[in-house]
């Protein structure tokens, strides 16, 4: 079984992990994306801003593999503050639709004590099915 590493153009190199791995069958596994930019800089520090950036990062990986947001089949969210997430539901929905449109894949949300990057408030991983021509 072969696979292809997916790394969007212009992104700072990932060290010790892949941003995405595309299988021959078209399944794309997107590694956990956090709220930093392609240059691995946190430009926003609030939950909504980081969520929007993490989703934008996922979209960039999916598009680099030849897909679109509608190809995403699963999202797993890791959040550090349940209350902050719940308090921002309307903003969460608006930011989500801004980046992903009205596509709602299977989702799981897990509250965690912390993430590897101290500034990160959310990490989101994805699976997509990219049509193979």
Protein backbone atom coordinates (compact mmCIF):
# COMPACT_ATOMS: atom_id res chain seq x y z
CA UNK A 1 0.00 0.00 0.00
CA UNK A 2 1.44 3.33 -1.07
CA UNK A 3 0.56 6.76 0.16
CA UNK A 4 1.43 10.37 -0.59
CA UNK A 5 2.40 13.02 1.96
CA UNK A 6 0.33 16.18 1.53
CA UNK A 7 1.93 19.49 2.43
CA UNK A 8 0.34 22.73 1.17
CA UNK A 9 2.62 25.02 -0.84
CA UNK A 10 4.24 27.76 1.22
CA UNK A 11 3.75 26.06 4.58
CA UNK A 12 6.64 25.85 6.99
CA UNK A 13 7.90 22.24 7.12
CA UNK A 14 6.17 19.91 9.58
CA UNK A 15 8.71 18.34 11.93
CA UNK A 16 8.05 14.79 13.04
CA UNK A 17 4.58 14.52 11.47
CA UNK A 18 2.67 14.94 8.21
CA UNK A 19 -0.07 17.50 7.73
CA UNK A 20 -1.85 15.03 5.49
CA UNK A 21 -1.47 11.51 4.15
CA UNK A 22 -3.40 10.47 1.03
CA UNK A 23 -3.87 6.75 0.39
CA UNK A 24 -4.10 5.21 -3.08
CA UNK A 25 -7.82 4.69 -2.49
CA UNK A 26 -8.36 8.44 -1.97
CA UNK A 27 -8.72 8.49 1.80
CA UNK A 28 -7.02 11.60 3.16
CA UNK A 29 -6.00 11.69 6.80
CA UNK A 30 -5.39 15.25 7.99
CA UNK A 31 -3.24 15.50 11.11
CA UNK A 32 -4.42 17.68 13.96
CA UNK A 33 -4.48 21.33 12.91
CA UNK A 34 -4.27 24.16 15.41
CA UNK A 35 -4.87 27.89 15.22
CA UNK A 36 -1.54 28.92 13.82
CA UNK A 37 -0.71 30.12 10.33
CA UNK A 38 1.16 28.33 7.55
CA UNK A 39 4.31 29.79 9.12
CA UNK A 40 3.42 28.25 12.51
CA UNK A 41 2.66 31.61 14.11
CA UNK A 42 -0.35 32.29 16.35
CA UNK A 43 -1.88 35.50 15.00
CA UNK A 44 -5.09 35.03 17.01
CA UNK A 45 -5.44 33.94 20.61
CA UNK A 46 -9.20 33.60 21.14
CA UNK A 47 -11.13 30.36 20.63
CA UNK A 48 -13.14 31.51 17.59
CA UNK A 49 -10.10 32.92 15.82
CA UNK A 50 -8.08 29.77 16.43
CA UNK A 51 -10.99 27.54 15.42
CA UNK A 52 -11.38 29.47 12.15
CA UNK A 53 -7.63 29.18 11.48
CA UNK A 54 -7.55 25.44 12.30
CA UNK A 55 -10.48 24.82 9.92
CA UNK A 56 -8.77 26.95 7.25
CA UNK A 57 -5.65 24.84 7.70
CA UNK A 58 -7.69 21.65 7.24
CA UNK A 59 -9.28 23.10 4.13
CA UNK A 60 -5.82 23.96 2.76
CA UNK A 61 -4.59 20.38 3.26
CA UNK A 62 -7.74 18.95 1.66
CA UNK A 63 -7.39 21.32 -1.31
CA UNK A 64 -3.67 20.49 -1.65
CA UNK A 65 -4.74 16.85 -2.03
CA UNK A 66 -7.16 17.81 -4.82
CA UNK A 67 -10.32 17.86 -2.70
CA UNK A 68 -12.86 20.32 -1.38
CA UNK A 69 -14.58 20.84 1.99
CA UNK A 70 -17.48 18.67 0.82
CA UNK A 71 -15.09 15.70 0.66
CA UNK A 72 -14.48 15.81 4.43
CA UNK A 73 -16.18 12.85 6.11
CA UNK A 74 -15.07 13.25 9.73
CA UNK A 75 -13.76 15.92 12.11
CA UNK A 76 -12.44 15.29 15.60
CA UNK A 77 -12.14 18.38 17.78
CA UNK A 78 -9.98 18.68 20.89
CA UNK A 79 -10.85 21.73 22.98
CA UNK A 80 -9.17 22.96 26.15
CA UNK A 81 -12.13 24.87 27.59
CA UNK A 82 -15.64 23.39 27.39
CA UNK A 83 -17.28 26.49 28.87
CA UNK A 84 -15.60 28.80 26.36
CA UNK A 85 -16.79 26.58 23.50
CA UNK A 86 -20.36 26.32 24.80
CA UNK A 87 -20.58 30.07 25.43
CA UNK A 88 -19.66 30.80 21.81
CA UNK A 89 -22.05 28.46 19.97
CA UNK A 90 -23.51 31.07 17.62
CA UNK A 91 -20.04 32.36 16.74
CA UNK A 92 -18.76 28.79 16.33
CA UNK A 93 -21.51 28.04 13.80
CA UNK A 94 -20.94 31.26 11.85
CA UNK A 95 -17.16 30.77 11.70
CA UNK A 96 -17.57 27.11 10.72
CA UNK A 97 -19.92 27.95 7.83
CA UNK A 98 -17.59 30.77 6.73
CA UNK A 99 -14.76 28.28 6.19
CA UNK A 100 -16.55 24.99 5.44
CA UNK A 101 -19.88 26.10 4.04
CA UNK A 102 -22.96 24.09 4.90
CA UNK A 103 -21.17 20.73 4.90
CA UNK A 104 -21.45 18.89 8.21
CA UNK A 105 -19.45 15.64 8.40
CA UNK A 106 -19.48 13.20 11.30
CA UNK A 107 -17.92 15.00 14.27
CA UNK A 108 -16.58 14.21 17.71
CA UNK A 109 -15.54 16.74 20.33
CA UNK A 110 -13.26 15.91 23.23
CA UNK A 111 -12.32 18.21 26.11
CA UNK A 112 -8.62 17.88 26.95
CA UNK A 113 -6.42 19.22 29.73
CA UNK A 114 -4.00 20.75 27.26
CA UNK A 115 -2.41 20.60 23.83
CA UNK A 116 1.26 20.31 22.87
CA UNK A 117 1.46 23.96 21.78
CA UNK A 118 0.73 25.99 24.91
CA UNK A 119 -1.05 28.78 23.00
CA UNK A 120 -3.41 26.38 21.23
CA UNK A 121 -7.06 26.47 22.37
CA UNK A 122 -8.34 23.89 19.86
CA UNK A 123 -6.92 21.15 17.64
CA UNK A 124 -8.97 19.55 14.87
CA UNK A 125 -8.17 16.46 12.79
CA UNK A 126 -10.04 15.31 9.71
CA UNK A 127 -10.64 12.46 7.32
CA UNK A 128 -11.73 13.05 3.74
CA UNK A 129 -12.52 10.94 0.69
CA UNK A 130 -10.84 12.57 -2.30
CA UNK A 131 -12.25 11.42 -5.66
CA UNK A 132 -9.56 9.61 -7.66
CA UNK A 133 -9.71 10.03 -11.43
